[in-house]
Protein backbone atom coordinates (compact mmCIF):
# COMPACT_ATOMS: atom_id res chain seq x y z
CA MET A 1 -0.05 0.02 -0.02
CA PRO A 2 1.44 3.42 -0.85
CA ASP A 3 2.33 5.82 1.81
CA VAL A 4 0.03 8.39 0.40
CA GLN A 5 -2.69 9.16 2.91
CA VAL A 6 -6.20 9.71 1.58
CA ARG A 7 -8.41 11.96 3.42
CA ARG A 8 -11.84 10.38 4.37
CA THR A 9 -14.68 11.75 6.35
CA ARG A 10 -14.31 10.46 9.96
CA SER A 11 -17.62 9.52 11.51
CA GLU A 12 -16.52 6.89 14.12
CA ARG A 13 -15.08 7.69 17.46
CA LEU A 14 -12.70 5.60 19.48
CA GLU A 15 -11.80 6.51 23.07
CA ILE A 16 -8.78 5.12 24.87
CA ARG A 17 -7.21 5.70 28.29
CA LEU A 18 -3.51 6.28 28.52
CA SER A 19 -0.98 6.77 31.33
CA PRO A 20 0.85 10.09 31.30
CA GLU A 21 4.07 8.17 30.34
CA THR A 22 2.32 6.61 27.33
CA ARG A 23 0.92 9.94 26.24
CA SER A 24 4.29 11.65 26.50
CA LEU A 25 5.81 8.80 24.36
CA LEU A 26 3.22 9.05 21.76
CA ASN A 27 3.67 12.77 21.65
CA GLN A 28 7.43 12.29 21.14
CA ALA A 29 6.83 9.90 18.32
CA ALA A 30 4.28 11.96 16.59
CA ARG A 31 6.14 15.18 16.82
CA PRO A 32 9.04 14.62 14.30
CA ARG A 33 6.46 13.32 11.85
CA HIS A 34 4.61 16.77 12.10
CA THR A 35 1.45 14.79 12.95
CA THR A 36 -1.01 14.76 15.64
CA VAL A 37 -1.17 11.90 18.28
CA THR A 38 -4.47 10.83 16.81
CA GLU A 39 -3.20 10.83 13.24
CA PHE A 40 -0.04 8.84 14.55
CA LEU A 41 -2.19 6.32 16.38
CA VAL A 42 -4.58 5.74 13.52
CA SER A 43 -1.87 5.31 10.92
CA SER A 44 0.19 3.05 13.12
CA ALA A 45 -2.95 0.88 13.86
CA VAL A 46 -4.13 0.74 10.27
CA LYS A 47 -0.60 -0.56 9.26
CA ALA A 48 -0.46 -2.99 12.09
CA ALA A 49 -3.81 -4.20 11.07
CA GLU A 50 -2.89 -4.49 7.44
CA ASP A 51 0.32 -6.37 8.44
CA ALA A 52 -1.68 -8.81 10.54
CA MET A 53 -4.06 -9.68 7.68
CA PRO A 54 -3.17 -12.73 5.56
CA GLN A 55 -2.15 -11.73 2.17
CA PRO A 56 -3.73 -13.86 -0.51
CA ARG A 57 -1.50 -14.98 -3.38
CA LEU A 58 -2.91 -15.20 -6.90
CA PHE A 59 -1.19 -17.69 -9.43
CA GLU A 60 -2.28 -17.88 -13.01
CA ILE A 61 -1.93 -21.44 -14.35
CA GLU A 62 -2.58 -21.93 -18.04
CA THR A 63 -1.38 -25.54 -18.36
CA GLY A 64 -1.48 -28.83 -16.61
CA ASN A 65 2.35 -28.55 -16.56
CA GLY A 66 1.91 -25.25 -14.80
CA TRP A 67 -0.50 -26.78 -12.12
CA ASP A 68 2.08 -29.57 -11.62
CA ALA A 69 4.95 -27.17 -11.19
CA VAL A 70 2.85 -25.22 -8.42
CA MET A 71 1.99 -28.45 -6.69
CA ARG A 72 5.77 -29.56 -6.63
CA ALA A 73 6.72 -26.18 -5.37
CA VAL A 74 4.38 -26.25 -2.38
CA ASP A 75 4.90 -29.96 -1.78
CA TRP A 76 8.51 -30.18 -0.69
CA THR A 77 10.19 -31.45 2.48
CA ARG A 78 13.06 -29.82 4.41
CA ASP A 79 15.56 -31.85 2.42
CA ASP A 80 14.29 -30.80 -0.99
CA VAL A 81 15.87 -27.84 -2.70
CA PRO A 82 13.29 -25.47 -4.08
CA ASP A 83 13.33 -24.79 -7.90
CA PRO A 84 15.52 -21.59 -8.27
CA ALA A 85 13.30 -20.51 -11.20
CA LEU A 86 10.10 -20.66 -8.93
CA VAL A 87 11.89 -18.77 -6.15
CA ALA A 88 12.95 -16.09 -8.60
CA LEU A 89 9.35 -15.94 -9.82
CA SER A 90 7.83 -15.58 -6.43
CA ARG A 91 10.45 -12.78 -5.66
CA ASP A 92 9.66 -10.98 -8.96
CA SER A 93 5.98 -11.16 -8.22
CA ALA A 94 6.00 -10.09 -4.58
CA PRO A 95 4.39 -6.69 -3.72
CA GLY A 96 6.69 -3.77 -4.37
CA HIS A 97 8.64 -5.60 -7.08
CA GLY A 98 8.08 -4.73 -10.51
């Protein structure tokens, strides 16, 4: 996800209670980013939530041979060495690559 923030109408409210030490820490973290504590908390929480969500992988398989290759790639033991071409393909198709 790009770092560009989109302004959306905020209609939901979330209240939290903090210790003075935590509030001070959050202020210190938000200040160098030129943002409010609320904006800092929301962006940090959204990033943590996105990171916690499983990322689906999409594979396009056009032939039976392609399906067999994918099945061999996911069905390997610790003693097997993954196919270098499949490893390179998975790296090239990773988010942020390409």
